[in-house]
């Protein structure tokens, strides 16, 4: 009897897996993070809120800049008309714009009472009277005081037989000779605003994305999803994918916000008369975000793996958050006004501090290219150490549930 021969069937079940490459595993985790986060309402609304805030801030700066200080409206009667040019010149010297209009005395008094004129000058140049509604005010008081003193001086010179106009010209040309030992550097307001906005945006982005990494680690650990993931990929691949995915989302959000701010600034002409290099500053903000995010997120992911409850996340990541706050506070409070301060300069070279301080110095134009490259090099040199250290802590702690794992135990475990 012949043997019953049946065709062999090759199993294609779940156990017939082809090995996943390192980059394949990392990209799968990163893609999962991107697809999950980008559909989050919190991400969308946060991005919209930041973008609207930056754009509205640009419009506000444009409106405030266009308005400037209000001009003072002064009317003069026909007898006091020669004082018109003197009023304009005295106002310019005092930093006040004065608009002079010739009116009749009855009409001028009516306009002062109605608030259409700030003051009315009657009489003659040698003996004039200033008519106001309530009080002269601190803006016009020094202007008219100077005119009254000049009129008195002219009268005295005329009484002595001199030429008041010649004396007035000599007085106007007289000025003290000033020697400055340490001349103060004039800061461009646009540079100051750009530095502050850049520092604030990069801090918000690093803080938000770093916390997302920490919360995501604990969330997966609590739900036991991490155990399923680690059945097919290595712990460091899971951590790297999470950092890469959330970093991509954070960079995408920052590009939208920074791009909106740069576009608004150019559209409204906020930097037309400024020395700030807005394009280069925006590019460096994005670069420093990537560098800062890699460093901070690695540290936060490792520390978050030590706990198993969301309630405990804050306690383990507080040291890193404080480390982020110190350069941020120094950068915002000192950097825009004194970027050459030794504390600001030296901290801007130190990894973990550089991402929050160097963009401010770049915006203010007080840093050389070699200084930027040095800070970048020092930060990048630390990244491999952080990868190794964070990977070791994460691998040894991420599967431990229940109580908090001590840091020294995570470092010591094999």
Protein backbone atom coordinates (compact mmCIF):
# COMPACT_ATOMS: atom_id res chain seq x y z
CA UNK A 1 0.00 0.00 0.00
CA UNK A 2 1.43 3.24 -0.96
CA UNK A 3 2.17 5.88 1.64
CA UNK A 4 -0.31 8.70 2.03
CA UNK A 5 1.58 11.69 0.80
CA UNK A 6 0.22 15.13 1.55
CA UNK A 7 1.71 18.42 0.60
CA UNK A 8 3.60 20.00 3.45
CA UNK A 9 2.13 23.26 4.74
CA UNK A 10 4.50 26.06 5.92
CA UNK A 11 3.28 27.79 9.04
CA UNK A 12 2.78 31.52 8.72
CA UNK A 13 1.64 32.06 12.27
CA UNK A 14 2.69 34.77 14.68
CA UNK A 15 5.77 32.86 15.75
CA UNK A 16 7.33 33.11 12.29
CA UNK A 17 8.79 36.59 12.79
CA UNK A 18 11.67 38.05 10.89
CA UNK A 19 14.07 39.91 13.15
CA UNK A 20 13.46 43.64 13.37
CA UNK A 21 16.47 45.83 12.71
CA UNK A 22 17.59 48.40 15.24
CA UNK A 23 16.45 51.35 13.13
CA UNK A 24 13.25 49.52 12.26
CA UNK A 25 12.39 49.06 15.93
CA UNK A 26 13.21 52.67 16.81
CA UNK A 27 11.25 54.02 13.84
CA UNK A 28 8.21 51.88 14.69
CA UNK A 29 8.10 53.27 18.23
CA UNK A 30 8.73 56.81 16.98
CA UNK A 31 5.97 56.49 14.38
CA UNK A 32 3.57 55.26 17.05
CA UNK A 33 4.37 58.28 19.22
CA UNK A 34 3.95 60.71 16.33
CA UNK A 35 0.63 59.25 15.17
CA UNK A 36 -0.71 59.22 18.73
CA UNK A 37 0.42 62.69 19.78
CA UNK A 38 -0.37 64.54 16.57
CA UNK A 39 -4.05 63.55 16.83
CA UNK A 40 -4.21 64.73 20.42
CA UNK A 41 -6.51 67.72 21.00
CA UNK A 42 -4.09 69.01 23.63
CA UNK A 43 -1.27 69.15 21.06
CA UNK A 44 -3.44 70.88 18.47
CA UNK A 45 -4.85 73.49 20.85
CA UNK A 46 -1.47 74.15 22.44
CA UNK A 47 0.06 74.76 19.02
CA UNK A 48 -2.81 77.05 18.02
CA UNK A 49 -2.59 78.98 21.30
CA UNK A 50 1.16 79.53 20.96
CA UNK A 51 0.84 80.55 17.33
CA UNK A 52 -1.99 82.99 18.06
CA UNK A 53 -0.06 84.42 21.00
CA UNK A 54 3.05 85.06 18.90
CA UNK A 55 1.08 86.60 16.02
CA UNK A 56 -1.01 88.82 18.31
CA UNK A 57 2.15 89.86 20.13
CA UNK A 58 3.61 90.97 16.80
CA UNK A 59 0.50 93.00 15.98
CA UNK A 60 0.59 94.59 19.44
CA UNK A 61 4.24 95.57 19.02
CA UNK A 62 3.40 97.01 15.62
CA UNK A 63 0.52 99.09 16.99
CA UNK A 64 2.52 100.36 19.95
CA UNK A 65 5.48 101.19 17.74
CA UNK A 66 3.32 103.07 15.23
CA UNK A 67 1.56 105.14 17.86
CA UNK A 68 4.59 106.45 19.71
CA UNK A 69 4.25 109.32 22.19
CA UNK A 70 1.25 111.60 21.62
CA UNK A 71 2.04 115.02 20.15
CA UNK A 72 1.16 118.10 22.21
CA UNK A 73 -1.20 120.50 20.42
CA UNK A 74 -0.53 124.16 21.15
CA UNK A 75 -2.40 127.13 19.67
CA UNK A 76 -0.84 130.60 19.31
CA UNK A 77 -2.59 133.91 18.69
CA UNK A 78 -1.38 136.33 16.01
CA UNK A 79 0.59 138.41 18.54
CA UNK A 80 2.44 135.34 19.87
CA UNK A 81 2.91 133.72 16.43
CA UNK A 82 6.74 134.26 16.45
CA UNK A 83 6.90 131.81 19.37
CA UNK A 84 5.71 128.97 17.10
CA UNK A 85 9.14 127.94 15.73
CA UNK A 86 10.68 128.36 19.18
CA UNK A 87 8.05 126.05 20.69
CA UNK A 88 8.72 123.37 18.07
CA UNK A 89 12.47 123.58 18.58
CA UNK A 90 12.19 123.56 22.38
CA UNK A 91 9.90 120.52 22.20
CA UNK A 92 12.36 118.66 19.98
CA UNK A 93 15.16 119.41 22.41
CA UNK A 94 13.02 118.05 25.26
CA UNK A 95 11.98 114.97 23.28
CA UNK A 96 8.38 116.13 22.85
CA UNK A 97 6.60 116.62 19.55
CA UNK A 98 4.65 119.89 19.55
CA UNK A 99 2.08 120.77 16.88
CA UNK A 100 1.60 124.56 16.65
CA UNK A 101 -1.58 126.07 15.17
CA UNK A 102 -2.40 129.79 14.79
CA UNK A 103 -5.89 130.58 16.10
CA UNK A 104 -7.83 133.56 17.37
CA UNK A 105 -7.99 133.96 21.12
CA UNK A 106 -11.73 133.21 21.50
CA UNK A 107 -11.49 130.17 19.24
CA UNK A 108 -8.35 128.98 21.04
CA UNK A 109 -9.96 129.26 24.47
CA UNK A 110 -12.93 127.21 23.23
CA UNK A 111 -10.65 124.49 21.84
CA UNK A 112 -8.70 124.35 25.11
CA UNK A 113 -11.95 123.97 27.05
CA UNK A 114 -13.09 121.21 24.68
CA UNK A 115 -9.77 119.39 24.90
CA UNK A 116 -8.84 119.96 21.24
CA UNK A 117 -5.79 122.02 22.30
CA UNK A 118 -3.44 121.25 25.18
CA UNK A 119 -2.50 124.92 25.59
CA UNK A 120 -3.07 128.36 24.08
CA UNK A 121 -0.37 131.06 23.98
CA UNK A 122 -1.55 134.69 23.99
CA UNK A 123 0.24 138.03 24.32
CA UNK A 124 3.63 138.79 22.77
CA UNK A 125 6.96 136.88 22.58
CA UNK A 126 8.36 139.12 25.29
CA UNK A 127 5.34 138.77 27.58
CA UNK A 128 3.08 135.77 26.89
CA UNK A 129 0.39 133.91 28.80
CA UNK A 130 -0.31 130.17 28.57
CA UNK A 131 -4.00 129.21 28.81
CA UNK A 132 -4.75 125.59 29.86
CA UNK A 133 -7.87 123.71 30.92
CA UNK A 134 -6.68 122.40 34.30
CA UNK A 135 -2.89 122.36 34.54
CA UNK A 136 0.07 122.71 32.20
CA UNK A 137 1.36 119.18 32.78
CA UNK A 138 4.84 117.76 33.13
CA UNK A 139 5.40 117.55 29.36
CA UNK A 140 4.84 121.21 28.48
CA UNK A 141 6.00 122.80 31.74
CA UNK A 142 9.77 122.61 31.00
CA UNK A 143 9.16 123.84 27.43
CA UNK A 144 7.32 127.01 28.48
CA UNK A 145 9.60 127.55 31.45
CA UNK A 146 12.58 127.59 29.08
CA UNK A 147 10.79 130.06 26.79
CA UNK A 148 9.95 132.35 29.71
CA UNK A 149 13.55 132.28 30.92
CA UNK A 150 14.78 133.01 27.41
CA UNK A 151 12.36 135.96 27.12
CA UNK A 152 13.60 137.34 30.44
CA UNK A 153 17.23 136.93 29.34
CA UNK A 154 16.50 138.67 26.03
CA UNK A 155 14.90 141.58 27.87
CA UNK A 156 17.93 141.92 30.12
CA UNK A 157 20.33 141.82 27.20
CA UNK A 158 18.30 144.46 25.35
CA UNK A 159 18.39 146.66 28.44
CA UNK A 160 22.19 146.39 28.48
CA UNK A 161 22.40 147.37 24.80
CA UNK A 162 23.20 143.92 23.42
CA UNK A 163 21.76 141.78 20.62
CA UNK A 164 19.47 139.10 22.10
CA UNK A 165 19.44 137.00 18.90
CA UNK A 166 23.24 136.79 18.79
CA UNK A 167 23.39 135.77 22.44
CA UNK A 168 20.65 133.20 21.89
CA UNK A 169 22.63 131.60 19.04
CA UNK A 170 25.74 131.36 21.19
CA UNK A 171 23.75 129.83 24.06
CA UNK A 172 22.12 127.32 21.72
CA UNK A 173 25.51 126.27 20.35
CA UNK A 174 27.08 125.90 23.78
CA UNK A 175 27.48 122.31 25.02
CA UNK A 176 29.70 120.56 27.55
CA UNK A 177 32.56 118.34 26.45
CA UNK A 178 31.88 114.84 27.78
CA UNK A 179 34.51 112.10 28.03
CA UNK A 180 33.06 108.63 28.60
CA UNK A 181 35.33 106.04 30.19
CA UNK A 182 32.95 103.11 29.65
CA UNK A 183 30.37 104.04 27.01
CA UNK A 184 27.10 102.16 27.44
CA UNK A 185 26.22 99.93 24.50
CA UNK A 186 22.87 100.78 22.97
CA UNK A 187 20.65 97.73 22.61
CA UNK A 188 18.34 97.32 19.67
CA UNK A 189 14.78 96.88 21.07
CA UNK A 190 14.00 94.35 18.34
CA UNK A 191 17.00 92.26 19.41
CA UNK A 192 15.87 92.34 23.03
CA UNK A 193 12.33 91.27 22.12
CA UNK A 194 13.61 88.52 19.80
CA UNK A 195 15.96 87.20 22.46
CA UNK A 196 13.25 87.10 25.11
CA UNK A 197 10.65 85.50 22.81
CA UNK A 198 13.17 82.91 21.61
CA UNK A 199 14.19 82.05 25.17
CA UNK A 200 10.57 81.73 26.32
CA UNK A 201 9.52 79.58 23.35
CA UNK A 202 12.41 77.15 23.66
CA UNK A 203 11.81 76.83 27.41
CA UNK A 204 8.10 76.09 26.91
CA UNK A 205 8.89 73.55 24.19
CA UNK A 206 11.55 71.77 26.23
CA UNK A 207 9.42 71.75 29.37
CA UNK A 208 6.31 70.46 27.57
CA UNK A 209 8.01 67.78 25.47
CA UNK A 210 10.22 66.64 28.33
CA UNK A 211 7.22 66.08 30.54
CA UNK A 212 5.49 64.18 27.73
CA UNK A 213 8.43 61.80 27.59
CA UNK A 214 8.38 61.22 31.35
CA UNK A 215 4.62 60.76 31.51
CA UNK A 216 4.66 58.43 28.51
CA UNK A 217 7.25 56.17 30.12
CA UNK A 218 5.22 55.81 33.31
CA UNK A 219 1.95 55.43 31.39
CA UNK A 220 3.29 52.46 29.43
CA UNK A 221 4.85 51.00 32.54
CA UNK A 222 1.58 51.26 34.50
CA UNK A 223 -0.55 49.74 31.74
CA UNK A 224 1.94 46.90 31.20
CA UNK A 225 2.20 47.88 27.53
CA UNK A 226 5.94 48.08 27.99
CA UNK A 227 6.09 44.35 28.74
CA UNK A 228 4.48 43.58 25.39
CA UNK A 229 6.77 45.96 23.55
CA UNK A 230 9.90 44.61 25.19
CA UNK A 231 9.00 41.12 24.04
CA UNK A 232 10.08 42.12 20.53
CA UNK A 233 12.43 45.10 20.95
CA UNK A 234 15.16 46.06 23.35
CA UNK A 235 14.60 48.60 26.16
CA UNK A 236 17.00 51.19 24.75
CA UNK A 237 15.26 50.95 21.37
CA UNK A 238 11.92 51.67 23.04
CA UNK A 239 13.39 54.67 24.87
CA UNK A 240 15.11 55.98 21.73
CA UNK A 241 11.91 55.64 19.69
CA UNK A 242 9.88 57.48 22.29
CA UNK A 243 12.43 60.32 22.47
CA UNK A 244 12.63 60.52 18.68
CA UNK A 245 8.85 60.53 18.18
CA UNK A 246 8.03 63.14 20.80
CA UNK A 247 11.02 65.19 19.69
CA UNK A 248 9.69 65.22 16.13
CA UNK A 249 6.29 66.39 17.37
CA UNK A 250 7.89 69.11 19.50
CA UNK A 251 10.08 70.28 16.63
CA UNK A 252 7.06 70.36 14.31
CA UNK A 253 5.15 72.49 16.82
CA UNK A 254 8.09 74.86 17.31
CA UNK A 255 8.59 75.23 13.55
CA UNK A 256 4.94 76.30 13.18
CA UNK A 257 5.14 78.80 16.04
CA UNK A 258 8.56 80.24 15.12
CA UNK A 259 7.56 80.37 11.45
CA UNK A 260 4.40 82.27 12.37
CA UNK A 261 6.38 84.72 14.47
CA UNK A 262 9.01 85.32 11.79
CA UNK A 263 6.35 85.73 9.11
CA UNK A 264 4.44 88.23 11.26
CA UNK A 265 7.59 90.22 11.99
CA UNK A 266 8.48 90.51 8.30
CA UNK A 267 4.90 91.20 7.21
CA UNK A 268 4.50 94.06 9.70
CA UNK A 269 8.00 95.43 9.13
CA UNK A 270 8.97 94.99 12.78
CA UNK A 271 12.61 94.28 11.91
CA UNK A 272 13.04 96.51 8.85
CA UNK A 273 15.09 99.07 10.76
CA UNK A 274 16.68 96.57 13.14
CA UNK A 275 20.07 94.88 13.12
CA UNK A 276 18.64 91.56 14.30
CA UNK A 277 19.20 88.62 11.94
CA UNK A 278 15.77 87.09 12.42
CA UNK A 279 16.22 84.20 9.99
CA UNK A 280 19.49 82.99 11.54
CA UNK A 281 18.11 83.45 15.05
CA UNK A 282 15.03 81.36 14.25
CA UNK A 283 17.17 78.61 12.72
CA UNK A 284 19.40 78.47 15.79
CA UNK A 285 16.37 78.33 18.08
CA UNK A 286 15.28 75.17 16.28
CA UNK A 287 18.79 73.70 16.41
CA UNK A 288 19.14 74.37 20.11
CA UNK A 289 15.71 72.91 20.77
CA UNK A 290 16.80 69.62 19.17
CA UNK A 291 20.04 69.55 21.17
CA UNK A 292 18.32 70.52 24.41
CA UNK A 293 15.47 68.09 23.92
CA UNK A 294 17.81 65.15 23.35
CA UNK A 295 19.70 65.89 26.56
CA UNK A 296 16.73 66.65 28.79
CA UNK A 297 14.46 63.90 27.42
CA UNK A 298 17.09 61.21 27.92
CA UNK A 299 17.50 62.25 31.54
CA UNK A 300 13.74 62.48 32.10
CA UNK A 301 13.01 59.13 30.45
CA UNK A 302 15.58 57.40 32.64
CA UNK A 303 14.31 58.98 35.85
CA UNK A 304 10.65 58.34 35.00
CA UNK A 305 11.40 54.63 34.60
CA UNK A 306 12.20 54.53 38.34
CA UNK A 307 8.52 54.95 39.32
CA UNK A 308 5.31 53.14 38.44
CA UNK A 309 2.65 55.79 39.19
CA UNK A 310 1.90 59.10 37.53
CA UNK A 311 1.65 60.67 41.00
CA UNK A 312 5.34 59.95 41.57
CA UNK A 313 6.62 61.40 38.30
CA UNK A 314 6.98 64.92 39.67
CA UNK A 315 9.20 63.84 42.54
CA UNK A 316 11.77 62.09 40.34
CA UNK A 317 11.98 64.66 37.54
CA UNK A 318 12.08 67.73 39.82
CA UNK A 319 15.91 67.93 39.80
CA UNK A 320 15.95 68.06 36.01
CA UNK A 321 13.14 70.64 35.95
CA UNK A 322 15.09 72.80 38.40
CA UNK A 323 18.18 72.41 36.23
CA UNK A 324 16.10 73.74 33.33
CA UNK A 325 14.68 76.64 35.36
CA UNK A 326 18.03 78.08 36.46
CA UNK A 327 19.42 79.01 33.00
CA UNK A 328 15.96 80.08 31.87
CA UNK A 329 15.54 82.57 34.71
CA UNK A 330 19.08 83.88 34.25
CA UNK A 331 18.58 84.15 30.51
CA UNK A 332 15.30 86.05 30.68
CA UNK A 333 16.18 88.34 33.60
CA UNK A 334 19.80 89.14 32.72
CA UNK A 335 20.53 87.98 29.18
CA UNK A 336 18.49 90.50 27.12
CA UNK A 337 19.80 93.48 29.07
CA UNK A 338 23.38 92.36 29.75
CA UNK A 339 24.36 89.52 27.39
CA UNK A 340 28.05 90.07 28.16
CA UNK A 341 27.50 89.34 31.84
CA UNK A 342 30.13 86.72 32.87
CA UNK A 343 27.44 84.50 34.41
CA UNK A 344 25.44 84.48 31.17
CA UNK A 345 28.51 83.96 29.01
CA UNK A 346 30.03 81.07 30.94
CA UNK A 347 26.74 79.27 31.51
CA UNK A 348 25.97 79.49 27.79
CA UNK A 349 28.85 77.05 27.14
CA UNK A 350 27.72 74.46 29.70
CA UNK A 351 25.55 71.56 28.41
CA UNK A 352 21.95 71.67 29.69
CA UNK A 353 22.34 75.47 30.04
CA UNK A 354 23.42 76.23 26.47
CA UNK A 355 20.02 75.55 24.82
CA UNK A 356 18.34 78.16 27.01
CA UNK A 357 21.04 80.85 26.98
CA UNK A 358 22.85 80.68 23.65
CA UNK A 359 19.74 81.55 21.54
CA UNK A 360 19.35 84.77 23.53
CA UNK A 361 22.98 85.75 22.94
CA UNK A 362 22.61 84.90 19.25
CA UNK A 363 19.53 87.14 18.93
CA UNK A 364 21.39 90.02 20.56
CA UNK A 365 24.35 89.62 18.20
CA UNK A 366 26.92 89.41 21.00
CA UNK A 367 28.30 85.94 20.23
CA UNK A 368 30.89 84.86 17.68
CA UNK A 369 30.45 81.86 15.42
CA UNK A 370 33.24 79.96 17.15
CA UNK A 371 31.47 80.40 20.48
CA UNK A 372 28.27 78.88 19.09
CA UNK A 373 30.17 75.95 17.58
CA UNK A 374 32.05 75.41 20.85
CA UNK A 375 28.80 75.27 22.82
CA UNK A 376 27.26 72.90 20.25
CA UNK A 377 30.33 70.66 20.37
CA UNK A 378 30.34 70.46 24.17
CA UNK A 379 26.64 69.56 24.25
CA UNK A 380 26.94 66.95 21.50
CA UNK A 381 29.96 65.42 23.21
CA UNK A 382 27.80 64.76 26.27
CA UNK A 383 25.00 63.06 24.30
CA UNK A 384 26.72 59.62 23.94
CA UNK A 385 27.34 59.57 27.69
CA UNK A 386 23.69 60.41 28.35
CA UNK A 387 22.55 57.73 25.90
CA UNK A 388 24.61 55.08 27.67
CA UNK A 389 23.66 56.22 31.16
CA UNK A 390 19.95 56.72 30.41
CA UNK A 391 19.80 53.41 28.54
CA UNK A 392 21.29 51.57 31.49
CA UNK A 393 18.91 53.11 34.02
CA UNK A 394 15.88 52.66 31.75
CA UNK A 395 16.69 49.04 30.93
CA UNK A 396 17.18 48.07 34.56
CA UNK A 397 14.16 49.91 35.96
CA UNK A 398 11.41 49.94 33.33
CA UNK A 399 10.17 46.39 34.08
CA UNK A 400 10.14 46.86 37.85
CA UNK A 401 6.62 47.66 39.06
CA UNK A 402 5.32 48.50 42.47
CA UNK A 403 7.61 50.60 44.63
CA UNK A 404 10.09 53.18 43.43
CA UNK A 405 13.43 51.87 42.21
CA UNK A 406 16.41 53.61 43.75
CA UNK A 407 18.74 55.26 41.28
CA UNK A 408 21.85 53.50 42.60
CA UNK A 409 20.08 50.13 42.30
CA UNK A 410 19.17 50.85 38.68
CA UNK A 411 22.76 51.78 37.93
CA UNK A 412 24.11 48.72 39.71
CA UNK A 413 21.71 46.15 38.24
CA UNK A 414 23.00 43.99 35.43
